[in-house]
Amino acid sequence: MSVTSVPGFAASGVACGIKSSGAPDLALVATTNRKPVPAAGVFTTNLACAAPVQVSRAHLASGHSAAVILNSGNANAATGEYGRGVAKEMCSLVAAPLGVGTEDVLVCSTGLIGIPMSIDPIAAGIPGLVTNLGTDATAGESAAQAILTTDTMRKESFISSNGFCVGAMAKGAAMLAPAMATMLAVIVTDAVATPDLLKQALAYGVRDSFNMLLVDGAMSTNDTVLLLANGSSNVNTNTKSCATAFMDAIGETCAQLSVAMAADAEGATKLATIVVRGARTESDARQAARSVAASQLVQCSLYGSDPYWGRVLSELGASGATFDPERTNISYNSVTVCRNGVAAAHDEIALAQTMGQREILIECNLQAGDKSATMHFTDLSHAYIDENAATS
């Protein structure tokens, strides 16, 4: 279930020729009545942000959107004024057949950076893209498939809560690092919400999901998460209880998508979670978790299924968090290997067996306070290097 599982939204995906392989590379999500609805977005903090990011930011000034066009295979980044022209033209070409204003269309791109993208294949593909707009599951799947690059599977989500629902699609498999992960995501809902609430919900949802996801420590030029609300459920999120439920639903949607990205990360053989507890402050907890997740030494240890807790303790100490290393406890999949900063006796056979699993949980208790943070990351494999040794 995806974006088309939410009443009032349609989607489609086609192959227009951006990808030389002939794989699907152009997607569209739109309101079924073709009317702009409250919308919000969060974007990469990279100063070298791509043309689509710049254009979508400008179009979101009104707080409303009717459609999102997305392409894969070319990021349209580091392409200057030419690239901005292409991004604007993509919006215009979609707006005309939908009967909306160009500024009512948002645009996203993903793929190779620094390569000028021709508008010709996109212009040729848009008529079919609009014609194929549908509200069934197949239409949603086709859109989710068309935004993938090195991903091996679609990332989709659907949540029903308190009389409203939330559907989403995303892509992301590499260059995942806070903040945000290298990704595109379109989230839609039938809840009644103002643009301001959508902004708050996105900030809340992104904070502990995409902003706590790391694969290779590289921040992209194109990161975008968009949220559109058509209000067709008539469930008004202005009430405190409903607003809370809505925020939680957006948070859970983002969490599901971020974990799916980590699980499908380029070359990854392990899906790791680092939980830091007992931190003095929340900032300390997040810094400590991020330091461990970003460590190539820790990532390499995971690839080798080696519970080398000394590397974890070292990264905690270098993180800038305030704590006493000689009070720190560390465990792998609930097997304690470090207690009070020194090696702890443990069942080595049981530990070796659990380290062979795909999912690894590293827990660190700093015993300096009551704050905690959780971050998802992966191992560093030969396959990741092979994937990224050349332009990809």
Protein backbone atom coordinates (compact mmCIF):
# COMPACT_ATOMS: atom_id res chain seq x y z
CA MET A 1 0.00 0.00 0.00
CA SER A 2 1.31 3.39 -0.98
CA VAL A 3 0.28 6.92 -1.93
CA THR A 4 -2.74 5.72 -3.91
CA SER A 5 -4.13 3.98 -0.82
CA VAL A 6 -5.09 7.44 0.45
CA PRO A 7 -8.45 8.59 -1.00
CA GLY A 8 -8.12 11.62 -3.23
CA PHE A 9 -4.63 10.94 -4.56
CA ALA A 10 -3.53 9.37 -7.85
CA ALA A 11 -0.12 8.32 -9.14
CA SER A 12 1.68 6.92 -12.15
CA GLY A 13 5.13 5.92 -13.34
CA VAL A 14 6.64 5.51 -16.80
CA ALA A 15 9.94 5.01 -18.58
CA CYS A 16 10.75 8.15 -20.58
CA GLY A 17 14.39 7.48 -21.49
CA ILE A 18 16.41 9.29 -18.84
CA LYS A 19 17.85 5.92 -17.84
CA SER A 20 19.69 4.23 -20.70
CA SER A 21 18.51 0.86 -19.35
CA GLY A 22 14.93 1.65 -20.26
CA ALA A 23 13.81 1.24 -16.64
CA PRO A 24 10.99 3.43 -15.28
CA ASP A 25 12.32 6.90 -14.49
CA LEU A 26 9.44 9.37 -14.31
CA ALA A 27 6.69 9.49 -11.65
CA LEU A 28 3.74 11.68 -10.77
CA VAL A 29 1.57 12.05 -7.67
CA ALA A 30 -1.46 14.34 -7.91
CA THR A 31 -4.76 15.16 -6.27
CA THR A 32 -7.65 13.43 -8.04
CA ASN A 33 -9.69 16.62 -8.24
CA ARG A 34 -6.62 18.53 -9.52
CA LYS A 35 -6.97 21.14 -6.78
CA PRO A 36 -4.04 22.46 -4.71
CA VAL A 37 -4.07 21.26 -1.11
CA PRO A 38 -2.05 22.24 1.99
CA ALA A 39 1.54 21.10 1.59
CA ALA A 40 4.94 21.35 3.24
CA GLY A 41 8.47 20.12 2.64
CA VAL A 42 11.85 19.64 4.23
CA PHE A 43 15.01 19.69 2.14
CA THR A 44 18.72 19.01 2.18
CA THR A 45 20.88 21.43 4.15
CA ASN A 46 23.64 21.04 1.55
CA LEU A 47 24.61 24.48 0.19
CA ALA A 48 25.09 22.84 -3.21
CA CYS A 49 21.40 21.95 -3.38
CA ALA A 50 19.97 20.81 -6.70
CA ALA A 51 17.75 22.81 -9.03
CA PRO A 52 14.58 20.86 -8.12
CA VAL A 53 15.14 21.67 -4.45
CA GLN A 54 15.43 25.36 -5.25
CA VAL A 55 12.30 25.32 -7.40
CA SER A 56 10.19 23.29 -4.96
CA ARG A 57 11.16 25.56 -2.08
CA ALA A 58 9.96 28.54 -4.08
CA HIS A 59 6.70 26.85 -5.13
CA LEU A 60 5.94 25.89 -1.53
CA ALA A 61 5.83 29.55 -0.51
CA SER A 62 2.06 29.44 -1.01
CA GLY A 63 1.73 26.46 1.34
CA HIS A 64 -0.30 24.54 -1.26
CA SER A 65 0.41 22.06 -4.06
CA ALA A 66 -1.60 19.91 -6.43
CA ALA A 67 1.06 17.56 -7.81
CA VAL A 68 4.63 16.31 -7.53
CA ILE A 69 6.67 15.21 -10.54
CA LEU A 70 9.76 13.12 -9.86
CA ASN A 71 12.49 11.70 -12.06
CA SER A 72 15.32 9.26 -11.44
CA GLY A 73 18.54 8.75 -13.36
CA ASN A 74 19.70 12.37 -13.23
CA ALA A 75 19.83 14.59 -10.13
CA ASN A 76 19.76 17.85 -12.11
CA ALA A 77 22.29 19.10 -9.55
CA ALA A 78 25.28 21.37 -10.18
CA THR A 79 23.62 22.39 -13.44
CA GLY A 80 23.22 26.12 -12.79
CA GLU A 81 20.59 28.28 -14.43
CA TYR A 82 20.08 25.68 -17.15
CA GLY A 83 19.07 23.12 -14.52
CA ARG A 84 16.66 25.51 -12.84
CA GLY A 85 15.07 26.07 -16.23
CA VAL A 86 14.60 22.32 -16.70
CA ALA A 87 13.07 21.93 -13.23
CA LYS A 88 10.65 24.80 -13.88
CA GLU A 89 9.76 23.37 -17.28
CA MET A 90 8.98 20.00 -15.71
CA CYS A 91 6.47 21.73 -13.45
CA SER A 92 4.98 23.68 -16.34
CA LEU A 93 4.60 20.62 -18.57
CA VAL A 94 2.68 18.80 -15.83
CA ALA A 95 0.63 21.81 -14.80
CA ALA A 96 -0.88 22.37 -18.24
CA PRO A 97 -2.68 19.02 -18.68
CA LEU A 98 -3.69 18.98 -15.02
CA GLY A 99 -5.19 22.45 -15.31
CA VAL A 100 -3.23 23.93 -12.41
CA GLY A 101 -0.66 26.68 -12.07
CA THR A 102 3.02 25.94 -12.59
CA GLU A 103 3.66 27.04 -8.99
CA ASP A 104 1.17 24.38 -7.82
CA VAL A 105 3.54 21.62 -8.97
CA LEU A 106 6.57 20.45 -6.98
CA VAL A 107 9.56 18.71 -8.56
CA CYS A 108 12.10 16.15 -7.34
CA SER A 109 15.08 14.55 -9.07
CA THR A 110 17.59 11.87 -8.13
CA GLY A 111 20.55 10.29 -9.86
CA LEU A 112 23.86 11.48 -11.25
CA ILE A 113 25.19 14.87 -10.14
CA GLY A 114 26.72 17.44 -12.48
CA ILE A 115 25.30 16.11 -15.74
CA PRO A 116 22.92 18.42 -17.66
CA MET A 117 19.51 16.82 -18.04
CA SER A 118 17.62 17.18 -21.30
CA ILE A 119 13.98 18.16 -21.06
CA ASP A 120 13.16 16.24 -24.26
CA PRO A 121 12.58 12.74 -22.85
CA ILE A 122 10.64 14.21 -19.93
CA ALA A 123 8.45 16.26 -22.25
CA ALA A 124 7.80 13.14 -24.31
CA GLY A 125 6.93 11.11 -21.23
CA ILE A 126 4.61 13.51 -19.44
CA PRO A 127 1.50 12.98 -21.63
CA GLY A 128 1.55 9.26 -20.86
CA LEU A 129 2.37 10.00 -17.23
CA VAL A 130 -0.77 12.13 -16.90
CA THR A 131 -2.94 9.71 -18.88
CA ASN A 132 -1.83 6.80 -16.69
CA LEU A 133 -2.71 8.51 -13.41
CA GLY A 134 -4.61 6.00 -11.34
CA THR A 135 -5.83 5.38 -7.82
CA ASP A 136 -5.28 1.64 -7.65
CA ALA A 137 -2.37 -0.21 -6.05
CA THR A 138 -0.67 -0.83 -9.40
CA ALA A 139 -0.54 2.90 -10.12
CA GLY A 140 1.04 3.58 -6.74
CA GLU A 141 3.58 0.83 -7.24
CA SER A 142 4.52 2.13 -10.68
CA ALA A 143 5.26 5.56 -9.23
CA ALA A 144 7.30 4.10 -6.37
CA GLN A 145 9.28 1.99 -8.84
CA ALA A 146 10.04 4.90 -11.15
CA ILE A 147 11.91 6.92 -8.50
CA LEU A 148 14.46 4.21 -7.66
CA THR A 149 18.14 4.46 -8.56
CA THR A 150 20.49 1.91 -6.97
CA ASP A 151 17.63 0.75 -4.74
CA THR A 152 16.75 -2.92 -5.09
CA MET A 153 13.17 -2.56 -3.86
CA ARG A 154 10.34 -0.07 -3.53
CA LYS A 155 9.92 1.78 -0.22
CA GLU A 156 6.24 2.29 0.59
CA SER A 157 4.15 2.83 3.69
CA PHE A 158 0.51 3.08 4.73
CA ILE A 159 -0.95 3.87 8.14
CA SER A 160 -4.60 4.21 9.17
CA SER A 161 -5.24 6.08 12.43
CA ASN A 162 -8.09 7.91 14.17
CA GLY A 163 -10.24 8.15 11.06
CA PHE A 164 -7.55 9.37 8.68
CA CYS A 165 -4.75 7.65 6.79
CA VAL A 166 -1.22 8.35 5.59
CA GLY A 167 0.44 6.85 2.51
CA ALA A 168 4.00 7.31 1.31
CA MET A 169 6.66 6.31 -1.18
CA ALA A 170 10.39 6.92 -1.01
CA LYS A 171 13.76 6.08 -2.47
CA GLY A 172 17.18 5.94 -0.88
CA ALA A 173 20.04 3.47 -0.79
CA ALA A 174 23.27 5.45 -0.49
CA MET A 175 24.69 8.84 0.52
CA LEU A 176 22.50 8.51 3.60
CA ALA A 177 23.59 10.84 6.35
CA PRO A 178 22.02 13.38 8.69
CA ALA A 179 20.57 15.69 7.99
CA MET A 180 18.70 14.39 6.00
CA ALA A 181 19.26 11.03 4.48
CA THR A 182 19.89 11.08 0.73
CA MET A 183 16.39 10.45 -0.34
CA LEU A 184 13.17 11.49 -1.95
CA ALA A 185 9.86 10.91 -0.20
CA VAL A 186 6.28 11.89 -0.96
CA ILE A 187 3.82 11.52 1.91
CA VAL A 188 0.09 12.11 1.45
CA THR A 189 -2.83 12.10 3.86
CA ASP A 190 -6.58 12.63 3.85
CA ALA A 191 -6.50 14.46 7.19
CA VAL A 192 -7.53 18.10 7.44
CA ALA A 193 -4.37 20.05 8.25
CA THR A 194 -2.94 23.53 7.79
CA PRO A 195 0.41 24.14 6.10
CA ASP A 196 1.83 25.15 9.48
CA LEU A 197 0.79 21.87 11.10
CA LEU A 198 2.25 19.96 8.15
CA LYS A 199 5.56 21.75 8.70
CA GLN A 200 5.50 20.83 12.38
CA ALA A 201 4.60 17.22 11.61
CA LEU A 202 7.42 16.88 9.08
CA ALA A 203 9.96 18.41 11.44
CA TYR A 204 8.81 15.98 14.13
CA GLY A 205 8.80 12.98 11.79
CA VAL A 206 12.16 13.67 10.17
CA ARG A 207 13.99 14.37 13.43
CA ASP A 208 14.18 10.79 14.73
CA SER A 209 13.96 8.93 11.42
CA PHE A 210 15.72 10.31 8.34
CA ASN A 211 17.92 12.55 10.50
CA MET A 212 18.99 9.52 12.53
CA LEU A 213 19.94 7.35 9.56
CA LEU A 214 23.48 6.97 8.29
CA VAL A 215 25.05 4.74 5.65
CA ASP A 216 28.19 6.45 4.40
CA GLY A 217 28.27 9.88 6.00
CA ALA A 218 27.69 11.68 2.69
CA MET A 219 24.98 14.35 2.42
CA SER A 220 23.21 14.64 -0.91
CA THR A 221 22.23 17.62 -3.03
CA ASN A 222 18.62 16.52 -3.58
CA ASP A 223 17.15 15.37 -0.25
CA THR A 224 13.44 16.13 -0.20
CA VAL A 225 10.45 15.02 1.89
CA LEU A 226 7.07 16.40 0.85
CA LEU A 227 3.74 16.15 2.68
CA LEU A 228 0.35 16.92 1.11
CA ALA A 229 -3.03 16.82 2.91
CA ASN A 230 -6.30 16.86 0.95
CA GLY A 231 -8.68 16.80 3.94
CA SER A 232 -11.09 14.33 2.31
CA SER A 233 -11.53 12.37 5.55
CA ASN A 234 -12.94 15.48 7.27
CA VAL A 235 -10.88 14.56 10.33
CA ASN A 236 -9.70 17.90 11.65
CA THR A 237 -6.26 17.88 13.21
CA ASN A 238 -6.86 21.19 14.97
CA THR A 239 -7.96 19.37 18.11
CA LYS A 240 -5.13 18.49 20.50
CA SER A 241 -5.81 14.74 20.57
CA CYS A 242 -6.09 14.47 16.80
CA ALA A 243 -3.02 16.66 16.24
CA THR A 244 -1.03 14.32 18.46
CA ALA A 245 -2.30 11.27 16.58
CA PHE A 246 -1.44 12.96 13.30
CA MET A 247 2.09 13.82 14.39
CA ASP A 248 2.59 10.25 15.58
CA ALA A 249 1.32 8.85 12.26
CA ILE A 250 3.73 11.02 10.28
CA GLY A 251 6.53 10.02 12.66
CA GLU A 252 5.76 6.32 12.21
CA THR A 253 5.59 6.73 8.41
CA CYS A 254 9.02 8.37 8.35
CA ALA A 255 10.40 5.70 10.68
CA GLN A 256 9.18 2.88 8.45
CA LEU A 257 10.67 4.46 5.35
CA SER A 258 14.03 5.21 7.01
CA VAL A 259 14.44 1.63 8.23
CA ALA A 260 13.55 0.37 4.75
CA MET A 261 16.30 2.59 3.32
CA ALA A 262 18.89 1.26 5.75
CA ALA A 263 17.85 -2.31 4.99
CA ASP A 264 18.34 -1.68 1.26
CA ALA A 265 21.55 0.34 1.54
CA GLU A 266 24.17 -0.19 -1.15
CA GLY A 267 26.33 -3.21 -0.40
CA ALA A 268 25.07 -3.57 3.16
CA THR A 269 25.11 -7.00 4.78
CA LYS A 270 24.11 -5.74 8.24
CA LEU A 271 21.30 -3.48 9.42
CA ALA A 272 22.63 -1.98 12.64
CA THR A 273 20.95 0.02 15.36
CA ILE A 274 22.90 1.98 17.95
CA VAL A 275 21.03 2.92 21.12
CA VAL A 276 22.74 5.28 23.54
CA ARG A 277 21.16 5.46 26.99
CA GLY A 278 22.08 7.19 30.20
CA ALA A 279 23.32 10.36 28.52
CA ARG A 280 23.54 13.65 30.37
CA THR A 281 21.59 15.52 27.69
CA GLU A 282 19.65 14.60 24.57
CA SER A 283 22.31 16.37 22.51
CA ASP A 284 24.99 14.18 24.09
CA ALA A 285 22.99 11.05 23.31
CA ARG A 286 22.52 12.02 19.67
CA GLN A 287 26.17 13.05 19.26
CA ALA A 288 27.39 9.80 20.77
CA ALA A 289 25.08 7.65 18.63
CA ARG A 290 26.05 9.51 15.46
CA SER A 291 29.77 9.18 16.21
CA VAL A 292 29.51 5.40 16.50
CA ALA A 293 27.30 5.07 13.42
CA ALA A 294 29.64 7.21 11.31
CA SER A 295 32.77 5.27 12.23
CA GLN A 296 34.18 3.33 9.30
CA LEU A 297 36.08 1.19 11.80
CA VAL A 298 32.85 0.21 13.55
CA GLN A 299 31.18 -0.39 10.18
CA CYS A 300 34.06 -2.62 9.04
CA SER A 301 33.86 -4.59 12.28
CA LEU A 302 30.19 -5.23 11.63
CA TYR A 303 30.96 -6.45 8.12
CA GLY A 304 33.38 -8.92 9.66
CA SER A 305 30.80 -9.90 12.33
CA ASP A 306 33.36 -8.82 14.91
CA PRO A 307 31.99 -7.41 18.21
CA TYR A 308 34.96 -5.07 18.59
CA TRP A 309 33.53 -2.97 21.41
CA GLY A 310 36.81 -1.07 21.86
CA ARG A 311 36.07 0.82 18.65
CA VAL A 312 32.61 1.69 19.96
CA LEU A 313 33.97 3.00 23.26
CA SER A 314 36.62 5.00 21.42
CA GLU A 315 33.99 6.67 19.21
CA LEU A 316 31.81 7.45 22.22
CA GLY A 317 34.80 9.14 23.83
CA ALA A 318 35.55 11.17 20.71
CA SER A 319 31.95 12.24 20.18
CA GLY A 320 32.03 15.30 22.41
CA ALA A 321 29.45 13.85 24.81
CA THR A 322 30.16 14.35 28.51
CA PHE A 323 30.44 11.04 30.40
CA ASP A 324 32.86 8.83 32.29
CA PRO A 325 34.21 6.04 30.02
CA GLU A 326 34.91 3.92 33.11
CA ARG A 327 31.20 3.78 33.89
CA THR A 328 30.13 2.80 30.35
CA ASN A 329 28.45 -0.50 29.46
CA ILE A 330 28.26 -1.87 25.88
CA SER A 331 26.37 -4.86 24.48
CA TYR A 332 25.79 -6.49 21.10
CA ASN A 333 22.35 -8.07 20.66
CA SER A 334 21.90 -8.04 24.46
CA VAL A 335 25.23 -9.76 25.13
CA THR A 336 27.22 -7.44 27.42
CA VAL A 337 30.86 -7.22 26.28
CA CYS A 338 31.95 -4.14 28.21
CA ARG A 339 31.02 -3.23 31.78
CA ASN A 340 32.26 -0.08 33.48
CA GLY A 341 34.67 0.59 30.63
CA VAL A 342 36.48 -2.77 30.65
CA ALA A 343 35.94 -6.19 29.10
CA ALA A 344 33.06 -8.18 30.58
CA ALA A 345 32.92 -11.96 30.79
CA HIS A 346 30.36 -13.34 28.35
CA ASP A 347 29.35 -16.41 26.35
CA GLU A 348 31.64 -16.11 23.31
CA ILE A 349 29.84 -18.86 21.37
CA ALA A 350 26.47 -17.18 21.83
CA LEU A 351 27.95 -13.84 20.85
CA ALA A 352 29.55 -15.27 17.70
CA GLN A 353 26.23 -16.77 16.70
CA THR A 354 24.30 -13.55 17.19
CA MET A 355 26.92 -11.51 15.29
CA GLY A 356 26.19 -13.65 12.24
CA GLN A 357 22.66 -12.27 12.09
CA ARG A 358 21.71 -9.55 9.63
CA GLU A 359 20.31 -7.25 12.30
CA ILE A 360 22.70 -6.05 15.01
CA LEU A 361 21.71 -3.99 18.05
CA ILE A 362 24.50 -2.12 19.83
CA GLU A 363 23.46 -0.70 23.19
CA CYS A 364 25.60 1.75 25.13
CA ASN A 365 24.76 2.97 28.62
CA LEU A 366 26.84 6.00 29.58
CA GLN A 367 25.39 6.11 33.11
CA ALA A 368 25.61 9.92 33.09
CA GLY A 369 21.92 10.85 33.01
CA ASP A 370 18.52 9.75 31.70
CA LYS A 371 18.56 10.83 28.03
CA SER A 372 18.71 8.48 25.05
CA ALA A 373 18.98 8.38 21.25
CA THR A 374 18.60 5.72 18.57
CA MET A 375 20.24 5.67 15.16
CA HIS A 376 20.15 3.22 12.25
CA PHE A 377 23.21 2.49 10.13
CA THR A 378 24.92 -0.29 8.19
CA ASP A 379 28.21 -2.07 7.78
CA LEU A 380 30.84 -1.12 5.19
CA SER A 381 31.38 -3.85 2.62
CA HIS A 382 33.45 -4.53 -0.48
CA ALA A 383 30.20 -4.32 -2.47
CA TYR A 384 29.67 -0.72 -1.37
CA ILE A 385 33.13 0.23 -2.62
CA ASP A 386 32.54 -1.59 -5.91
CA GLU A 387 29.27 0.28 -6.38
CA ASN A 388 30.83 3.67 -5.76
CA ALA A 389 34.31 3.30 -7.27
CA ALA A 390 33.02 4.95 -10.44
CA THR A 391 30.30 7.43 -11.34
CA SER A 392 27.00 5.91 -10.21
